[in-house]
Structures are given as C-alpha cells and as structure tokens.
Amino acid sequence: MRSFSFFENALFGDSAVILRTLLQLRVLVFGALVGFLWILDKQTAWPVHYSSILLIVGCAIVWSAWLLFHFKRRLFESRAIPSARHHLIEQRAILRELIIDGCCLALVVFLSGRSENPFIYYFLVLIAVAATVLSGKIAWLFAAVGVCVYSLFLYLDINEHFHHMSDQYQFHLLGMWVNFFGSSLVTCYFISKLANALREQQQQLGKIREETLKNEQLIGIGTLAASTVHALGTPLSTLAVLLGEMRNSADTEEKRTDIDTMLTQIQRCTTTMKKLSMLADYEDDSNQQESVAELAATLREHYVLSKPSLYPSINLPESTQHQRIRHSLLLHHALINLVDNAIEAAQNRVSVDFDTDRDFLYISIVDDGPGMPLKAVKDWGKPQHSSKKDGLGIGVLLANSTIERLGGTVAIHVVDLDTAAPKQVPQTHVQVKLPLSQQPHLS
C-alpha cells in the first residue's frame, strides 16, 4: 500500500511526499550500504576504500536528515498553500536530490569495485523515479549518464586487470553491462509512457468529475427555478389584483402614480417569470441559425428597454454582420448576464466588441472597473458567493455552462495593477468564443 501511495503521488503531483520519500529512501539504502561494505572490508579482500565511502555516505545522510527534520515546514508548506510556484520549487528539489544520489552512487561504486560492484544497478531506481516524476527528457538524460558511468568503469577495469580475469568472468562483466544498458532503455521508455498515459487518464477523469458536478448543480438550479416560478405566480397575481383595486379607489394623483409604478414592477416580474418558464422548456434546435447582426440587435434592444445606468457600447464591424452562429435563447441571456456584470462593475465605460475569423466569433466585453480579487478570478465560472449585495453567485456559472454547451469558451483577463503602466486604466476583459455555423442558411 505504501509503494502504491508513492506511485500515485508521483503521478498526480504531490511533490512534497515524493521528495520526503526520496530522502527517506536515501538514508535507508546508503545506511544499509555502509553496513554491507563494512562486512566486505572486514571479511573479504574486496578492494573497498571504506573511510572515503563512509565520508561520502555520511555527508549524504546528514544532508538528508537536515532537510527532513530542520526544513520540513519549508519543504512541505505547499501542502497547506498549494501553488504552481511551490510545485515548481519542489520539482527542482527532486531533480537536485536525484543528481546528488547519482553523484554519491557513482563515487561509492568507483571506490568499491567499479564495474564489478552490482550496487551500480541502483541507477535503475533513479532512472525509474525520474521517468515517473519528472519529464521524459530528464529521464533519458539520467539513463544516458548511468550508461556512460558504467561504461567508463568497465573501460577502466579492462585497461587495468581485465586480462587477468577468466573468460567466464569477463563474459559475466560484459553481460552485466549489456543487462544494465537494456534495463535502462526499457525502464526509461515504458515507465515514461505509462506515467504519461496515467496522467492523461487522471486529467480526463478530473474533467469528467468536474463536468458531472457542474451538471448536477445546473439540474438543481433548474429545479429551483421551476419551483420558484410556480411559487411566485399566485402572490404576484394577488398583488396585481389588489393594487388594481387600490388604484381605482385612490383619491390623489400621487397615489395613482405610486401604484402604477408598483404595477409596472409586478408586470416586469411576471414577464421575467414567463421567460424563465419558456427557457425551462426550451430545447435547442441545431438547425436554427441567426446572424451576428441579429444577436447584436437583440442586445441593443434589451438595453434600450431596460435603460441601464450605463449603456454599453456595442461595436459590430460590417464584415462580421452576416456571419452566422447557432441560434439559442439561452445564449442571449448568457451574454446579457455577462454584460450586466460588466455594467455593475464599470465606472464610466462598457464596450461589447464583435469580431470573427474563419471559424469563430469573438465577443469581447470590457469594463473600466476596479478589477477583481485574484481568488475571484481563479474561481471565475465556478459556484461561489456573489460580491453583489443581492447576487446569488450563479449567473456566471450558468453563462459559462450555456456557452460551453454550444461549443464555445469563456475567458477572463484582468489587468494586474502591480504591473500595469502608470496611466493605464484598470480593466476586466471577458472574451466569449463561439463556433461559426458551417451550414448554409435556409431562408
């Protein structure tokens, strides 16, 4: 179970656990090596420079213990505050520790029999770890270095005393080198391929889980919307009847004006509920199309009627007007939702710019507001608490989901105030990307 946990962490990015495990493995392996070489030095005539090896291994173990016990919080702080920067630092730390292991191993093998020392096969462990945790290029580099080191040791042994060995022992040493070379290639190639395949599979499963969660949230929101329509229908009708009677009995023009205002607001609520009911039963027809000009006209008409405090500037180039996209009432409301958010955040200006290339329609919604917190930008498009007083925090989620169902994407860009030019106005830029219809329009 522990080895499986290490392999899973290696594949899926828990670099802190990998680094800690490598340090523990170094202490365990090099500690056992010192004991094994001490026995060889005392009981056999094996050429072992025990004092030099003890110094090298001792330095490696002390370094590992220092990292494990004195810098544990620094090494693993990313588990509490995960970030791309911490992950990159830990990846570099893993590479550094593998290089240290490789250098220590090469020195120990050189001082204890060179090509005759089977402990050189520990290089295969380092190659396997590099292939699993790091990139394929680094794994192949480790494999190449390991083969070169082994080849150098074998070359030195051949020049010094290879001719004193029996034919069988010579063949044995050559066979060990061939075995090491082949094992390095196989380990590096197959483990790299396996790790990449498993990472891709995990990413796909993560996307599926995220999409499933989003669909469940949308179903819940749709159910709540339908229940709300039915629940509010009767109270609004009752209020409309009562206000009508009050208007008939009102004795001043001021009271009639106030009642007319309330009736207008109730009628607006009723109209909105009817649209919501229509959207709940609406099914997109993939054969329906509309021009970009019609989409822009819908936005203009909406804001002319709603009379917002800040009217958006809608810019539509002539070359874009006749391009066609898939028609969707849900898309209209998604764009209105995004523009409404920009209007509420803006100080003096909101612009909606249309543009196209060969395959896509681009809708840029830009406001000159104060920007957004970094956490809000990171979680944008996900369910979260609204920063608006009366907001529910689901408008952007629904807009994103609608546009993604139509094959499009939504991206947000915020000017970083720390890096912005002194005269640059802070802006929030939302870009909607939708596929253009490739089917001919049937009039």
Protein backbone atom coordinates (compact mmCIF):
# COMPACT_ATOMS: atom_id res chain seq x y z
CA MET A 1 0.00 0.00 0.00
CA ARG A 2 2.85 2.38 0.81
CA SER A 3 4.58 1.80 -2.53
CA PHE A 4 1.30 2.26 -4.39
CA SER A 5 0.74 5.51 -2.50
CA PHE A 6 4.18 6.73 -3.57
CA PHE A 7 3.50 5.83 -7.21
CA GLU A 8 0.12 7.57 -7.09
CA ASN A 9 1.64 10.70 -5.56
CA ALA A 10 4.40 10.63 -8.14
CA LEU A 11 1.92 10.53 -10.99
CA PHE A 12 -0.52 13.08 -9.70
CA GLY A 13 1.74 15.79 -8.47
CA ASP A 14 2.22 15.56 -4.69
CA SER A 15 5.86 16.58 -4.99
CA ALA A 16 6.32 17.13 -1.25
CA VAL A 17 5.53 13.48 -0.48
CA ILE A 18 7.83 12.32 -3.28
CA LEU A 19 10.71 14.44 -2.00
CA ARG A 20 10.28 13.22 1.56
CA THR A 21 10.15 9.59 0.39
CA LEU A 22 13.33 10.03 -1.69
CA LEU A 23 15.19 11.42 1.31
CA GLN A 24 13.99 8.54 3.50
CA LEU A 25 14.98 6.03 0.80
CA ARG A 26 18.46 7.57 0.59
CA VAL A 27 19.00 7.26 4.34
CA LEU A 28 17.79 3.65 4.30
CA VAL A 29 19.75 2.48 1.22
CA PHE A 30 23.01 4.27 1.95
CA GLY A 31 22.84 3.23 5.60
CA ALA A 32 22.46 -0.42 4.55
CA LEU A 33 25.30 0.05 2.03
CA VAL A 34 27.70 1.24 4.71
CA GLY A 35 26.97 -1.84 6.80
CA PHE A 36 27.36 -4.17 3.80
CA LEU A 37 30.68 -2.60 2.73
CA TRP A 38 31.96 -2.76 6.32
CA ILE A 39 31.36 -6.52 6.31
CA LEU A 40 33.18 -6.81 2.95
CA ASP A 41 36.08 -4.78 4.25
CA LYS A 42 36.47 -6.96 7.34
CA GLN A 43 35.68 -10.40 5.95
CA THR A 44 36.97 -10.35 2.34
CA ALA A 45 39.75 -8.97 0.20
CA TRP A 46 37.35 -6.86 -1.88
CA PRO A 47 39.04 -3.52 -2.78
CA VAL A 48 36.95 -1.15 -0.66
CA HIS A 49 38.06 2.37 0.35
CA TYR A 50 35.86 2.24 3.39
CA SER A 51 36.88 5.51 5.03
CA SER A 52 36.25 7.55 1.86
CA ILE A 53 32.91 5.81 1.25
CA LEU A 54 31.90 6.40 4.86
CA LEU A 55 32.63 10.11 4.44
CA ILE A 56 30.54 10.36 1.23
CA VAL A 57 27.61 8.37 2.58
CA GLY A 58 27.77 10.16 5.92
CA CYS A 59 27.56 13.56 4.21
CA ALA A 60 24.57 12.39 2.14
CA ILE A 61 22.77 11.03 5.21
CA VAL A 62 23.46 14.16 7.26
CA TRP A 63 22.21 16.35 4.40
CA SER A 64 19.04 14.25 4.13
CA ALA A 65 18.41 14.30 7.86
CA TRP A 66 18.93 18.08 7.92
CA LEU A 67 16.36 18.55 5.16
CA LEU A 68 13.90 16.16 6.77
CA PHE A 69 13.97 17.45 10.34
CA HIS A 70 15.06 21.08 10.18
CA PHE A 71 13.41 22.25 6.96
CA LYS A 72 10.30 20.08 6.97
CA ARG A 73 7.91 23.05 7.08
CA ARG A 74 9.66 24.81 4.20
CA LEU A 75 9.73 21.69 2.05
CA PHE A 76 6.08 20.79 2.55
CA GLU A 77 4.40 24.19 3.02
CA SER A 78 2.80 23.76 -0.42
CA ARG A 79 0.53 21.08 1.09
CA ALA A 80 -1.11 23.86 3.12
CA ILE A 81 -0.80 26.58 0.45
CA PRO A 82 -0.68 24.82 -2.93
CA SER A 83 0.52 26.89 -5.87
CA ALA A 84 2.27 26.47 -9.19
CA ARG A 85 5.36 28.22 -7.76
CA HIS A 86 5.65 25.80 -4.83
CA HIS A 87 5.16 22.86 -7.19
CA LEU A 88 7.95 24.15 -9.46
CA ILE A 89 10.30 24.61 -6.48
CA GLU A 90 9.62 21.06 -5.32
CA GLN A 91 10.20 19.67 -8.81
CA ARG A 92 13.61 21.36 -8.86
CA ALA A 93 14.32 19.99 -5.38
CA ILE A 94 13.50 16.45 -6.57
CA LEU A 95 15.85 16.86 -9.55
CA ARG A 96 18.58 18.19 -7.24
CA GLU A 97 18.25 15.24 -4.85
CA LEU A 98 18.31 12.72 -7.72
CA ILE A 99 21.52 14.32 -9.00
CA ILE A 100 23.02 14.11 -5.50
CA ASP A 101 22.03 10.43 -5.31
CA GLY A 102 23.58 9.78 -8.71
CA CYS A 103 26.85 11.51 -7.82
CA CYS A 104 27.13 9.74 -4.46
CA LEU A 105 26.35 6.39 -6.10
CA ALA A 106 29.00 6.92 -8.79
CA LEU A 107 31.65 7.80 -6.19
CA VAL A 108 30.75 4.86 -3.94
CA VAL A 109 30.83 2.39 -6.83
CA PHE A 110 34.12 3.85 -8.07
CA LEU A 111 35.68 3.30 -4.63
CA SER A 112 34.31 -0.24 -4.19
CA GLY A 113 34.98 -2.36 -7.25
CA ARG A 114 33.71 -0.18 -10.15
CA SER A 115 32.09 -2.36 -12.83
CA GLU A 116 32.34 -5.43 -10.58
CA ASN A 117 30.10 -3.80 -7.96
CA PRO A 118 26.46 -4.85 -8.56
CA PHE A 119 25.25 -1.89 -6.47
CA ILE A 120 25.60 0.20 -9.64
CA TYR A 121 22.18 -1.18 -10.59
CA TYR A 122 20.71 1.28 -8.09
CA PHE A 123 20.98 3.70 -11.02
CA LEU A 124 17.92 1.92 -12.43
CA VAL A 125 15.92 3.05 -9.39
CA LEU A 126 16.94 6.67 -10.01
CA ILE A 127 16.04 6.32 -13.69
CA ALA A 128 12.63 4.87 -12.78
CA VAL A 129 11.94 7.71 -10.32
CA ALA A 130 13.00 10.33 -12.88
CA ALA A 131 10.78 8.73 -15.55
CA THR A 132 7.81 8.66 -13.18
CA VAL A 133 8.13 12.05 -11.51
CA LEU A 134 9.97 14.29 -13.95
CA SER A 135 9.83 14.79 -17.70
CA GLY A 136 10.83 12.17 -20.25
CA LYS A 137 13.86 14.22 -21.38
CA ILE A 138 15.32 14.26 -17.87
CA ALA A 139 14.69 10.52 -17.52
CA TRP A 140 16.54 9.82 -20.77
CA LEU A 141 19.38 12.08 -19.59
CA PHE A 142 19.64 10.07 -16.36
CA ALA A 143 19.69 6.85 -18.37
CA ALA A 144 22.43 8.18 -20.67
CA VAL A 145 24.56 9.35 -17.74
CA GLY A 146 24.13 6.00 -15.98
CA VAL A 147 25.21 4.04 -19.08
CA CYS A 148 28.19 6.37 -19.61
CA VAL A 149 29.32 5.99 -15.98
CA TYR A 150 29.01 2.20 -16.15
CA SER A 151 30.85 2.15 -19.49
CA LEU A 152 33.66 4.28 -18.04
CA PHE A 153 34.07 1.94 -15.07
CA LEU A 154 34.13 -1.09 -17.38
CA TYR A 155 36.71 0.61 -19.62
CA LEU A 156 38.97 1.34 -16.63
CA ASP A 157 38.69 -2.25 -15.45
CA ILE A 158 39.52 -3.58 -18.92
CA ASN A 159 42.67 -1.46 -19.15
CA GLU A 160 43.88 -2.38 -15.64
CA HIS A 161 43.20 -6.05 -14.99
CA PHE A 162 40.62 -7.38 -17.40
CA HIS A 163 43.18 -9.74 -18.96
CA HIS A 164 43.86 -11.33 -15.56
CA MET A 165 40.24 -12.48 -15.30
CA SER A 166 38.92 -15.78 -16.55
CA ASP A 167 36.92 -15.89 -19.76
CA GLN A 168 33.75 -16.68 -17.85
CA TYR A 169 34.18 -13.71 -15.52
CA GLN A 170 34.93 -11.40 -18.47
CA PHE A 171 31.75 -12.60 -20.13
CA HIS A 172 29.91 -12.06 -16.84
CA LEU A 173 31.03 -8.42 -16.60
CA LEU A 174 30.12 -7.73 -20.23
CA GLY A 175 26.77 -9.40 -19.67
CA MET A 176 26.15 -7.16 -16.64
CA TRP A 177 26.87 -4.08 -18.78
CA VAL A 178 24.53 -5.27 -21.56
CA ASN A 179 21.85 -6.06 -19.00
CA PHE A 180 22.24 -2.59 -17.42
CA PHE A 181 22.08 -0.89 -20.82
CA GLY A 182 18.95 -2.80 -21.87
CA SER A 183 17.26 -2.36 -18.50
CA SER A 184 17.91 1.41 -18.62
CA LEU A 185 16.28 1.73 -22.05
CA VAL A 186 13.29 -0.43 -21.15
CA THR A 187 12.76 1.25 -17.78
CA CYS A 188 13.01 4.74 -19.16
CA TYR A 189 10.81 4.13 -22.21
CA PHE A 190 7.98 2.12 -20.69
CA ILE A 191 7.73 3.91 -17.34
CA SER A 192 7.69 7.31 -19.10
CA LYS A 193 4.93 6.12 -21.43
CA LEU A 194 2.96 4.56 -18.57
CA ALA A 195 3.27 7.65 -16.38
CA ASN A 196 2.17 9.98 -19.19
CA ALA A 197 -0.78 7.75 -20.05
CA LEU A 198 -1.92 7.56 -16.43
CA ARG A 199 -1.57 11.34 -16.00
CA GLU A 200 -3.68 11.95 -19.09
CA GLN A 201 -6.27 9.46 -17.85
CA GLN A 202 -6.36 11.17 -14.46
CA GLN A 203 -6.83 14.56 -16.11
CA GLN A 204 -9.70 13.20 -18.20
CA LEU A 205 -11.32 11.68 -15.10
CA GLY A 206 -10.92 15.01 -13.32
CA LYS A 207 -12.65 16.81 -16.19
CA ILE A 208 -15.46 14.24 -16.19
CA ARG A 209 -15.94 14.61 -12.43
CA GLU A 210 -15.97 18.39 -12.76
CA GLU A 211 -18.46 18.23 -15.63
CA THR A 212 -20.69 15.82 -13.69
CA LEU A 213 -20.64 18.08 -10.66
CA LYS A 214 -21.48 21.07 -12.84
CA ASN A 215 -24.38 19.22 -14.46
CA GLU A 216 -25.74 18.24 -11.04
CA GLN A 217 -25.53 21.86 -9.93
CA LEU A 218 -27.31 23.02 -13.08
CA ILE A 219 -30.08 20.47 -12.59
CA GLY A 220 -30.52 21.69 -9.03
CA ILE A 221 -30.62 25.30 -10.17
CA GLY A 222 -33.13 24.46 -12.91
CA THR A 223 -35.36 22.61 -10.46
CA LEU A 224 -35.20 25.53 -8.05
CA ALA A 225 -36.03 27.98 -10.87
CA ALA A 226 -39.08 25.96 -11.91
CA SER A 227 -40.26 25.75 -8.32
CA THR A 228 -39.76 29.49 -7.90
CA VAL A 229 -41.85 30.26 -10.99
CA HIS A 230 -44.77 28.24 -9.64
CA ALA A 231 -44.37 29.57 -6.09
CA LEU A 232 -44.34 33.25 -7.10
CA GLY A 233 -47.12 33.11 -9.67
CA THR A 234 -50.03 33.27 -7.22
CA PRO A 235 -48.61 36.00 -4.91
CA LEU A 236 -47.81 38.27 -7.87
CA SER A 237 -51.30 37.78 -9.33
CA THR A 238 -52.85 38.59 -5.96
CA LEU A 239 -50.75 41.74 -5.60
CA ALA A 240 -51.70 42.85 -9.11
CA VAL A 241 -55.43 42.47 -8.35
CA LEU A 242 -55.16 44.28 -5.02
CA LEU A 243 -53.14 47.13 -6.49
CA GLY A 244 -55.66 47.47 -9.32
CA GLU A 245 -58.46 47.88 -6.79
CA MET A 246 -56.39 50.33 -4.77
CA ARG A 247 -55.73 52.39 -7.87
CA ASN A 248 -59.45 52.64 -8.62
CA SER A 249 -60.12 53.90 -5.10
CA ALA A 250 -57.11 56.22 -4.89
CA ASP A 251 -58.11 59.82 -4.18
CA THR A 252 -54.92 61.61 -5.33
CA GLU A 253 -52.82 61.54 -8.47
CA GLU A 254 -49.66 60.94 -6.42
CA LYS A 255 -51.07 57.69 -5.03
CA ARG A 256 -52.12 56.57 -8.52
CA THR A 257 -48.60 57.24 -9.79
CA ASP A 258 -47.06 55.20 -6.99
CA ILE A 259 -49.47 52.33 -7.60
CA ASP A 260 -48.76 52.45 -11.35
CA THR A 261 -45.06 52.14 -10.56
CA MET A 262 -45.71 49.08 -8.37
CA LEU A 263 -47.92 47.53 -11.08
CA THR A 264 -45.17 48.11 -13.64
CA GLN A 265 -42.64 46.35 -11.43
CA ILE A 266 -45.03 43.43 -10.86
CA GLN A 267 -45.61 43.17 -14.60
CA ARG A 268 -41.87 43.12 -15.13
CA CYS A 269 -41.54 40.28 -12.60
CA THR A 270 -44.34 38.37 -14.33
CA THR A 271 -42.71 38.81 -17.74
CA THR A 272 -39.37 37.64 -16.40
CA MET A 273 -41.02 34.56 -14.89
CA LYS A 274 -42.69 33.73 -18.19
CA LYS A 275 -39.33 33.94 -19.95
CA LEU A 276 -37.83 31.73 -17.26
CA SER A 277 -40.62 29.20 -17.77
CA MET A 278 -40.03 29.26 -21.53
CA LEU A 279 -36.31 28.68 -21.04
CA ALA A 280 -37.00 25.74 -18.74
CA ASP A 281 -38.97 24.04 -21.52
CA TYR A 282 -36.75 25.30 -24.34
CA GLU A 283 -34.79 22.79 -26.41
CA ASP A 284 -32.12 24.00 -28.79
CA ASP A 285 -32.68 23.22 -32.44
CA SER A 286 -29.32 22.59 -34.04
CA ASN A 287 -30.74 23.61 -37.45
CA GLN A 288 -31.71 27.09 -36.25
CA GLN A 289 -29.24 29.84 -37.07
CA GLU A 290 -29.01 33.56 -36.60
CA SER A 291 -26.66 36.20 -37.91
CA VAL A 292 -24.23 38.06 -35.72
CA ALA A 293 -26.15 41.23 -36.61
CA GLU A 294 -29.34 39.72 -35.17
CA LEU A 295 -27.51 38.77 -31.98
CA ALA A 296 -26.13 42.30 -31.62
CA ALA A 297 -29.59 43.75 -32.32
CA THR A 298 -31.04 41.60 -29.51
CA LEU A 299 -28.50 43.02 -27.08
CA ARG A 300 -29.21 46.61 -28.20
CA GLU A 301 -32.98 46.10 -27.89
CA HIS A 302 -32.63 44.64 -24.40
CA TYR A 303 -30.62 47.59 -23.09
CA VAL A 304 -32.82 50.17 -24.81
CA LEU A 305 -35.83 48.71 -23.00
CA SER A 306 -34.16 48.08 -19.63
CA LYS A 307 -32.47 51.53 -19.62
CA PRO A 308 -29.41 50.63 -17.52
CA SER A 309 -27.47 53.27 -15.63
CA LEU A 310 -24.57 52.80 -18.06
CA TYR A 311 -25.45 51.95 -21.66
CA PRO A 312 -22.89 49.56 -23.23
CA SER A 313 -21.14 50.49 -26.46
CA ILE A 314 -21.85 47.68 -28.95
CA ASN A 315 -19.40 47.62 -31.87
CA LEU A 316 -20.09 45.38 -34.84
CA PRO A 317 -17.84 45.57 -37.94
CA GLU A 318 -19.61 45.32 -41.28
CA SER A 319 -17.55 42.28 -42.27
CA THR A 320 -18.90 40.40 -39.24
CA GLN A 321 -22.60 41.20 -39.54
CA HIS A 322 -23.59 38.42 -41.96
CA GLN A 323 -21.64 35.61 -40.27
CA ARG A 324 -23.99 33.06 -38.76
CA ILE A 325 -23.98 31.14 -35.49
CA ARG A 326 -26.24 28.58 -33.87
CA HIS A 327 -29.41 30.21 -32.53
CA SER A 328 -30.10 29.86 -28.81
CA LEU A 329 -32.30 31.84 -26.45
CA LEU A 330 -30.07 30.64 -23.65
CA LEU A 331 -27.08 32.27 -25.38
CA HIS A 332 -28.88 35.63 -25.46
CA HIS A 333 -29.47 35.52 -21.73
CA ALA A 334 -25.93 34.32 -21.06
CA LEU A 335 -24.46 37.30 -22.91
CA ILE A 336 -26.88 39.69 -21.19
CA ASN A 337 -25.78 38.28 -17.85
CA LEU A 338 -22.10 38.86 -18.65
CA VAL A 339 -22.76 42.41 -19.91
CA ASP A 340 -24.86 43.17 -16.82
CA ASN A 341 -21.96 42.13 -14.62
CA ALA A 342 -19.66 44.47 -16.56
CA ILE A 343 -22.16 47.35 -16.22
CA GLU A 344 -22.38 46.88 -12.46
CA ALA A 345 -18.57 46.77 -12.12
CA ALA A 346 -17.79 49.62 -14.54
CA GLN A 347 -17.12 53.21 -13.59
CA ASN A 348 -17.66 55.08 -16.89
CA ARG A 349 -17.45 52.69 -19.84
CA VAL A 350 -18.51 49.23 -21.04
CA SER A 351 -17.82 48.05 -24.57
CA VAL A 352 -19.04 44.96 -26.38
CA ASP A 353 -16.93 44.26 -29.48
CA PHE A 354 -17.72 41.61 -32.09
CA ASP A 355 -15.09 40.07 -34.35
CA THR A 356 -14.70 36.89 -36.39
CA ASP A 357 -12.07 34.82 -38.08
CA ARG A 358 -12.57 31.87 -40.38
CA ASP A 359 -14.13 29.56 -37.79
CA PHE A 360 -15.06 31.52 -34.67
CA LEU A 361 -16.98 34.52 -33.40
CA TYR A 362 -15.26 36.54 -30.67
CA ILE A 363 -17.26 38.75 -28.31
CA SER A 364 -15.13 40.96 -26.05
CA ILE A 365 -16.82 42.55 -23.04
CA VAL A 366 -14.56 45.18 -21.46
CA ASP A 367 -15.24 47.48 -18.50
CA ASP A 368 -13.12 50.08 -16.72
CA GLY A 369 -13.99 48.92 -13.23
CA PRO A 370 -11.54 48.39 -10.34
CA GLY A 371 -10.86 44.79 -11.33
CA MET A 372 -11.42 41.59 -9.35
CA PRO A 373 -9.67 39.85 -6.44
CA LEU A 374 -7.24 37.15 -7.52
CA LYS A 375 -9.29 34.44 -5.78
CA ALA A 376 -12.43 35.56 -7.66
CA VAL A 377 -10.53 35.42 -10.96
CA LYS A 378 -9.23 31.93 -10.16
CA ASP A 379 -12.72 30.65 -9.26
CA TRP A 380 -14.50 32.59 -12.01
CA GLY A 381 -17.14 30.43 -13.67
CA LYS A 382 -17.48 28.19 -10.62
CA PRO A 383 -20.20 28.35 -7.94
CA GLN A 384 -19.17 30.95 -5.37
CA HIS A 385 -20.61 33.64 -3.13
CA SER A 386 -21.57 36.75 -5.07
CA SER A 387 -19.79 40.01 -4.26
CA LYS A 388 -23.01 41.89 -5.12
CA LYS A 389 -25.45 42.73 -2.36
CA ASP A 390 -28.40 40.90 -3.92
CA GLY A 391 -26.44 38.42 -6.05
CA LEU A 392 -26.75 34.67 -5.81
CA GLY A 393 -23.36 33.83 -7.31
CA ILE A 394 -24.74 31.57 -10.06
CA GLY A 395 -25.09 33.96 -13.02
CA VAL A 396 -21.57 33.48 -14.35
CA LEU A 397 -21.80 29.71 -13.77
CA LEU A 398 -24.96 29.49 -15.88
CA ALA A 399 -23.50 31.75 -18.59
CA ASN A 400 -20.32 29.68 -18.81
CA SER A 401 -22.25 26.41 -18.90
CA THR A 402 -24.56 27.68 -21.67
CA ILE A 403 -21.68 28.88 -23.86
CA GLU A 404 -19.68 25.68 -23.32
CA ARG A 405 -22.72 23.57 -24.33
CA LEU A 406 -22.75 25.49 -27.62
CA GLY A 407 -19.12 24.55 -28.24
CA GLY A 408 -17.70 27.87 -27.07
CA THR A 409 -15.44 29.08 -24.30
CA VAL A 410 -15.36 31.99 -21.90
CA ALA A 411 -12.12 33.52 -20.60
CA ILE A 412 -11.48 36.41 -18.24
CA HIS A 413 -8.43 38.67 -18.18
CA VAL A 414 -7.79 41.30 -15.51
CA VAL A 415 -5.08 43.94 -15.69
CA ASP A 416 -2.58 43.39 -12.87
CA LEU A 417 -2.37 46.72 -11.05
CA ASP A 418 1.18 45.95 -9.89
CA THR A 419 2.47 45.58 -13.44
CA ALA A 420 0.14 48.00 -15.22
CA ALA A 421 1.51 51.21 -16.72
CA PRO A 422 1.01 54.32 -14.51
CA LYS A 423 -1.57 55.83 -16.88
CA GLN A 424 -3.27 52.56 -17.71
CA VAL A 425 -6.93 52.27 -16.68
CA PRO A 426 -7.76 49.02 -14.80
CA GLN A 427 -9.90 46.78 -16.98
CA THR A 428 -11.73 43.49 -16.76
CA HIS A 429 -11.87 41.78 -20.14
CA VAL A 430 -14.23 38.86 -20.73
CA GLN A 431 -13.90 37.13 -24.09
CA VAL A 432 -16.55 34.77 -25.42
CA LYS A 433 -15.53 32.45 -28.27
CA LEU A 434 -18.28 30.72 -30.27
CA PRO A 435 -18.02 28.48 -33.34
CA LEU A 436 -19.47 29.92 -36.54
CA SER A 437 -22.13 27.85 -38.30
CA GLN A 438 -20.75 25.87 -41.22
CA GLN A 439 -24.20 25.01 -42.55
CA PRO A 440 -25.80 27.11 -45.30
CA HIS A 441 -28.65 29.29 -44.11
CA LEU A 442 -32.10 28.22 -45.29
CA SER A 443 -34.40 31.20 -45.67
